[in-house]
Structures are given as C-alpha cells and as structure tokens.
C-alpha atoms as a PDB file:
ATOM      1  CA  MET A   1      81.084  17.519  47.178  1.00  0.00           C
ATOM      2  CA  PRO A   2      80.647  18.447  43.361  1.00  0.00           C
ATOM      3  CA  MET A   3      79.263  21.873  43.752  1.00  0.00           C
ATOM      4  CA  GLU A   4      82.156  23.429  45.140  1.00  0.00           C
ATOM      5  CA  LYS A   5      83.136  25.227  42.355  1.00  0.00           C
ATOM      6  CA  TYR A   6      80.420  26.972  42.663  1.00  0.00           C
ATOM      7  CA  LYS A   7      80.516  28.204  46.334  1.00  0.00           C
ATOM      8  CA  VAL A   8      80.365  31.544  46.880  1.00  0.00           C
ATOM      9  CA  GLN A   9      81.678  33.394  50.204  1.00  0.00           C
ATOM     10  CA  LEU A  10      79.202  35.732  51.597  1.00  0.00           C
ATOM     11  CA  SER A  11      79.664  37.557  54.705  1.00  0.00           C
ATOM     12  CA  HIS A  12      77.885  35.891  57.907  1.00  0.00           C
ATOM     13  CA  GLU A  13      75.063  38.487  58.334  1.00  0.00           C
ATOM     14  CA  ASP A  14      74.526  38.312  54.423  1.00  0.00           C
ATOM     15  CA  ARG A  15      74.141  34.514  55.209  1.00  0.00           C
ATOM     16  CA  ALA A  16      72.003  35.227  57.975  1.00  0.00           C
ATOM     17  CA  ASP A  17      69.868  37.442  54.956  1.00  0.00           C
ATOM     18  CA  ALA A  18      69.267  35.305  52.920  1.00  0.00           C
ATOM     19  CA  LEU A  19      68.283  32.504  55.574  1.00  0.00           C
ATOM     20  CA  ASP A  20      66.484  34.803  57.286  1.00  0.00           C
ATOM     21  CA  SER A  21      64.689  36.210  53.176  1.00  0.00           C
ATOM     22  CA  THR A  22      63.129  31.879  53.198  1.00  0.00           C
ATOM     23  CA  ASP A  23      60.222  30.163  54.279  1.00  0.00           C
ATOM     24  CA  TRP A  24      61.447  27.366  55.818  1.00  0.00           C
ATOM     25  CA  TYR A  25      63.343  29.365  58.847  1.00  0.00           C
ATOM     26  CA  GLY A  26      60.136  31.601  60.301  1.00  0.00           C
ATOM     27  CA  GLU A  27      60.048  29.774  63.655  1.00  0.00           C
ATOM     28  CA  PHE A  28      63.378  30.774  64.163  1.00  0.00           C
ATOM     29  CA  GLU A  29      63.693  34.254  66.249  1.00  0.00           C
ATOM     30  CA  ARG A  30      67.091  35.947  64.402  1.00  0.00           C
ATOM     31  CA  GLU A  31      68.961  35.444  66.821  1.00  0.00           C
ATOM     32  CA  GLN A  32      68.850  31.840  66.226  1.00  0.00           C
ATOM     33  CA  ILE A  33      69.641  32.347  62.651  1.00  0.00           C
ATOM     34  CA  ASN A  34      72.512  34.542  62.833  1.00  0.00           C
ATOM     35  CA  HIS A  35      74.327  31.513  65.120  1.00  0.00           C
ATOM     36  CA  ILE A  36      72.311  28.756  62.280  1.00  0.00           C
ATOM     37  CA  ALA A  37      74.233  31.247  59.365  1.00  0.00           C
ATOM     38  CA  THR A  38      77.372  30.033  60.574  1.00  0.00           C
ATOM     39  CA  TYR A  39      76.909  26.594  59.767  1.00  0.00           C
ATOM     40  CA  LEU A  40      76.495  27.388  56.002  1.00  0.00           C
ATOM     41  CA  THR A  41      77.495  27.553  52.526  1.00  0.00           C
ATOM     42  CA  ALA A  42      77.161  29.433  49.983  1.00  0.00           C
ATOM     43  CA  TYR A  43      76.140  28.495  46.303  1.00  0.00           C
ATOM     44  CA  GLU A  44      75.028  30.013  43.072  1.00  0.00           C
ATOM     45  CA  ILE A  45      74.533  27.955  41.188  1.00  0.00           C
ATOM     46  CA  PRO A  46      74.352  27.673  36.913  1.00  0.00           C
ATOM     47  CA  GLU A  47      71.057  26.857  35.009  1.00  0.00           C
ATOM     48  CA  ASP A  48      70.720  22.910  34.409  1.00  0.00           C
ATOM     49  CA  THR A  49      73.537  21.900  36.629  1.00  0.00           C
ATOM     50  CA  VAL A  50      72.693  19.098  38.790  1.00  0.00           C
ATOM     51  CA  ILE A  51      73.437  19.532  42.046  1.00  0.00           C
ATOM     52  CA  PHE A  52      73.041  16.056  43.018  1.00  0.00           C
ATOM     53  CA  GLU A  53      71.884  12.843  41.442  1.00  0.00           C
ATOM     54  CA  GLU A  54      69.841   9.743  42.442  1.00  0.00           C
ATOM     55  CA  LEU A  55      71.545   7.414  44.471  1.00  0.00           C
ATOM     56  CA  SER A  56      74.689   9.659  44.939  1.00  0.00           C
ATOM     57  CA  THR A  57      75.670  10.511  48.555  1.00  0.00           C
ATOM     58  CA  GLU A  58      76.766  13.794  49.032  1.00  0.00           C
ATOM     59  CA  ASN A  59      75.653  14.667  52.164  1.00  0.00           C
ATOM     60  CA  PHE A  60      73.715  18.493  52.540  1.00  0.00           C
ATOM     61  CA  LEU A  61      70.430  19.511  52.921  1.00  0.00           C
ATOM     62  CA  GLY A  62      70.148  22.729  50.571  1.00  0.00           C
ATOM     63  CA  ILE A  63      67.878  26.139  51.295  1.00  0.00           C
ATOM     64  CA  ILE A  64      66.706  27.423  47.846  1.00  0.00           C
ATOM     65  CA  VAL A  65      67.172  31.575  48.646  1.00  0.00           C
ATOM     66  CA  LYS A  66      66.824  31.822  45.237  1.00  0.00           C
ATOM     67  CA  GLY A  67      66.116  30.111  41.542  1.00  0.00           C
ATOM     68  CA  ARG A  68      64.047  26.750  41.086  1.00  0.00           C
ATOM     69  CA  ILE A  69      65.433  23.001  40.981  1.00  0.00           C
ATOM     70  CA  LYS A  70      63.566  20.292  39.398  1.00  0.00           C
ATOM     71  CA  ILE A  71      63.723  17.079  41.621  1.00  0.00           C
ATOM     72  CA  THR A  72      63.002  13.808  40.092  1.00  0.00           C
ATOM     73  CA  LYS A  73      63.376  10.050  39.819  1.00  0.00           C
ATOM     74  CA  ASP A  74      63.975   7.500  37.024  1.00  0.00           C
ATOM     75  CA  ASN A  75      61.377   5.324  36.135  1.00  0.00           C
ATOM     76  CA  GLY A  76      63.806   1.798  35.960  1.00  0.00           C
ATOM     77  CA  GLU A  77      62.363   3.017  32.129  1.00  0.00           C
ATOM     78  CA  GLY A  78      65.758   4.994  31.350  1.00  0.00           C
ATOM     79  CA  SER A  79      62.692   8.283  31.882  1.00  0.00           C
ATOM     80  CA  GLN A  80      62.800  11.430  34.679  1.00  0.00           C
ATOM     81  CA  VAL A  81      59.876  11.523  36.690  1.00  0.00           C
ATOM     82  CA  THR A  82      59.504  15.133  37.660  1.00  0.00           C
ATOM     83  CA  LEU A  83      58.250  14.723  41.263  1.00  0.00           C
ATOM     84  CA  ALA A  84      58.654  18.684  41.989  1.00  0.00           C
ATOM     85  CA  THR A  85      59.522  21.537  41.183  1.00  0.00           C
ATOM     86  CA  LEU A  86      60.790  24.044  44.606  1.00  0.00           C
ATOM     87  CA  THR A  87      61.253  28.082  44.566  1.00  0.00           C
ATOM     88  CA  GLN A  88      62.495  30.410  46.840  1.00  0.00           C
ATOM     89  CA  GLY A  89      62.712  29.085  50.125  1.00  0.00           C
ATOM     90  CA  LYS A  90      61.914  25.158  50.173  1.00  0.00           C
ATOM     91  CA  VAL A  91      64.461  22.836  51.539  1.00  0.00           C
ATOM     92  CA  PHE A  92      65.711  20.028  49.193  1.00  0.00           C
ATOM     93  CA  GLY A  93      67.768  16.647  50.471  1.00  0.00           C
ATOM     94  CA  GLU A  94      66.677  17.154  53.752  1.00  0.00           C
ATOM     95  CA  MET A  95      66.758  13.101  54.024  1.00  0.00           C
ATOM     96  CA  MET A  96      69.941  12.326  53.646  1.00  0.00           C
ATOM     97  CA  LEU A  97      70.653  14.920  56.117  1.00  0.00           C
ATOM     98  CA  VAL A  98      69.223  12.773  58.934  1.00  0.00           C
ATOM     99  CA  ASP A  99      69.473   8.740  57.720  1.00  0.00           C
ATOM    100  CA  LYS A 100      72.884   9.237  55.129  1.00  0.00           C
ATOM    101  CA  SER A 101      71.065   6.854  52.280  1.00  0.00           C
ATOM    102  CA  PRO A 102      71.551   7.658  49.120  1.00  0.00           C
ATOM    103  CA  ARG A 103      69.733  10.019  47.447  1.00  0.00           C
ATOM    104  CA  SER A 104      66.363   9.668  46.274  1.00  0.00           C
ATOM    105  CA  ALA A 105      65.691  11.561  43.682  1.00  0.00           C
ATOM    106  CA  THR A 106      68.017  13.659  41.350  1.00  0.00           C
ATOM    107  CA  ALA A 107      68.458  17.828  41.978  1.00  0.00           C
ATOM    108  CA  THR A 108      68.614  19.553  39.194  1.00  0.00           C
ATOM    109  CA  THR A 109      68.950  23.221  39.126  1.00  0.00           C
ATOM    110  CA  GLU A 110      66.324  25.304  36.004  1.00  0.00           C
ATOM    111  CA  ILE A 111      67.745  28.953  36.508  1.00  0.00           C
ATOM    112  CA  HIS A 112      70.439  30.703  37.774  1.00  0.00           C
ATOM    113  CA  THR A 113      70.178  29.344  41.407  1.00  0.00           C
ATOM    114  CA  HIS A 114      71.032  30.896  44.952  1.00  0.00           C
ATOM    115  CA  ILE A 115      71.645  28.114  48.454  1.00  0.00           C
ATOM    116  CA  LEU A 116      73.013  27.860  51.359  1.00  0.00           C
ATOM    117  CA  ALA A 117      73.564  24.509  52.273  1.00  0.00           C
ATOM    118  CA  LEU A 118      74.248  22.903  55.544  1.00  0.00           C
ATOM    119  CA  LYS A 119      76.873  19.843  54.626  1.00  0.00           C
ATOM    120  CA  GLY A 120      76.516  16.678  57.119  1.00  0.00           C
ATOM    121  CA  ASP A 121      79.730  17.710  58.822  1.00  0.00           C
ATOM    122  CA  ASP A 122      78.398  20.781  60.142  1.00  0.00           C
ATOM    123  CA  PHE A 123      75.633  19.801  61.122  1.00  0.00           C
ATOM    124  CA  GLU A 124      77.462  16.923  63.567  1.00  0.00           C
ATOM    125  CA  ARG A 125      79.498  20.370  64.957  1.00  0.00           C
ATOM    126  CA  MET A 126      75.843  22.231  65.584  1.00  0.00           C
ATOM    127  CA  VAL A 127      75.647  18.682  67.708  1.00  0.00           C
ATOM    128  CA  GLU A 128      78.283  19.022  69.392  1.00  0.00           C
ATOM    129  CA  GLU A 129      78.226  23.290  69.688  1.00  0.00           C
ATOM    130  CA  THR A 130      74.861  24.010  70.272  1.00  0.00           C
ATOM    131  CA  PRO A 131      72.443  20.625  70.925  1.00  0.00           C
ATOM    132  CA  THR A 132      69.536  23.258  71.675  1.00  0.00           C
ATOM    133  CA  LEU A 133      69.481  24.439  68.329  1.00  0.00           C
ATOM    134  CA  ALA A 134      69.727  21.566  66.029  1.00  0.00           C
ATOM    135  CA  VAL A 135      67.618  19.962  67.895  1.00  0.00           C
ATOM    136  CA  ILE A 136      64.538  22.970  67.326  1.00  0.00           C
ATOM    137  CA  LEU A 137      66.125  22.582  63.095  1.00  0.00           C
ATOM    138  CA  LEU A 138      65.643  18.439  63.425  1.00  0.00           C
ATOM    139  CA  LYS A 139      62.023  19.015  64.602  1.00  0.00           C
ATOM    140  CA  ASN A 140      62.248  21.650  61.319  1.00  0.00           C
ATOM    141  CA  ILE A 141      63.114  18.783  59.324  1.00  0.00           C
ATOM    142  CA  ILE A 142      60.990  16.340  60.733  1.00  0.00           C
ATOM    143  CA  LYS A 143      57.763  18.137  60.419  1.00  0.00           C
ATOM    144  CA  MET A 144      58.619  19.067  56.765  1.00  0.00           C
ATOM    145  CA  VAL A 145      59.097  15.789  56.506  1.00  0.00           C
ATOM    146  CA  SER A 146      55.782  14.569  57.467  1.00  0.00           C
ATOM    147  CA  ASN A 147      53.869  17.035  56.314  1.00  0.00           C
ATOM    148  CA  ARG A 148      54.919  16.007  52.136  1.00  0.00           C
ATOM    149  CA  LEU A 149      54.484  11.951  53.314  1.00  0.00           C
ATOM    150  CA  ARG A 150      50.738  13.319  54.079  1.00  0.00           C
ATOM    151  CA  ARG A 151      50.942  14.926  50.811  1.00  0.00           C
ATOM    152  CA  THR A 152      52.509  11.839  48.622  1.00  0.00           C
ATOM    153  CA  SER A 153      50.182   9.756  50.958  1.00  0.00           C
ATOM    154  CA  GLY A 154      46.870  11.643  49.986  1.00  0.00           C
ATOM    155  CA  GLN A 155      48.107  11.252  46.227  1.00  0.00           C
ATOM    156  CA  LEU A 156      48.878   7.913  46.468  1.00  0.00           C
ATOM    157  CA  VAL A 157      45.104   6.865  47.252  1.00  0.00           C
ATOM    158  CA  ASP A 158      43.833   8.600  43.504  1.00  0.00           C
ATOM    159  CA  TYR A 159      46.194   5.615  42.203  1.00  0.00           C
ATOM    160  CA  LEU A 160      44.954   2.393  44.706  1.00  0.00           C
ATOM    161  CA  PRO A 161      42.223   0.288  44.054  1.00  0.00           C
ATOM    162  CA  GLY A 162      39.312   0.833  46.142  1.00  0.00           C
ATOM    163  CA  ASP A 163      37.690  -1.752  48.391  1.00  0.00           C
ATOM    164  CA  ASP A 164      34.377  -2.584  46.206  1.00  0.00           C
END
C-alpha cells in the first residue's frame, strides 16, 4: 500500500473514538466499535495526495475521520470527471474489499485528511476471528453500496431518452 508512509500510530482507544465519531458506524454498539478498531490502521494524508488510482489493486476500505476526498474517473478522453466529494464519516474503496476487482475510480485528498483503513487481509482475519461482527460490517457495506446504486440510477434517468 503506497500510503504506508502516511501511517500514524494511534492507540486502540483513539482508533475506537475516531471510528465512533463517524456517522457510518452509528449502527454498532460501543463494544463492537472497540472490536472493529483492532482491525483498523490510521493514516494522516497531506493535501492533494492520490490515495489510490483507477485500476490499481490496493485492497482496503477507508473511513474519513477528518478531511475531504475527491473521487474521480477517467472519461476516456484524458480528463478526470469528479464522481463525488466525500467528507467526515464517509466510506470509500468498499467495493475492492468485497469483489477484489481493480479500482473503478481515483481517490485524492483535497485537504489534509485523516482516515481509518480496513485492509483486505485484516478484513479476512475479522471474518475468521469474529464472523458475526464481519457479517454485520458486510451488511452495512451492502446497504451503503445499494444506496449509492439507487442514487446513481436516479441520476442516470435524467440522461436517458424518453419512450415517446
């Protein structure tokens, strides 16, 4: 993972508190958050840093604790199109954790950003060690992906020709 140079040491309690401060984990009890925190790695990433590039294979999910990340995609003509701008509490990179396919977009920090990352190997370890917690986490990921797909489908309708 090219981000290793941005890795910071946070105590288990600090990782749990950071995770608890995001809205994404609102469905977890504090005991579960404490346990999930054992699988997370903390990073502080400078402004304008590429976290991962489209088609790369770094396998991790990121949770924004503080900062802002722009998600972009190559439009096939050499330009980047902004798909989303994500802020505190938002999750990115979740599809790679589930399907292990190359990244579908590029993620770049817009300002100095703090994230917690769940690496693919650590997620696999969670599945083995605490399968019930891993299933709850996976359900939340599925719900998030489903919501994004519904939103994208709604936006796509605006660009499709009518049946007239």
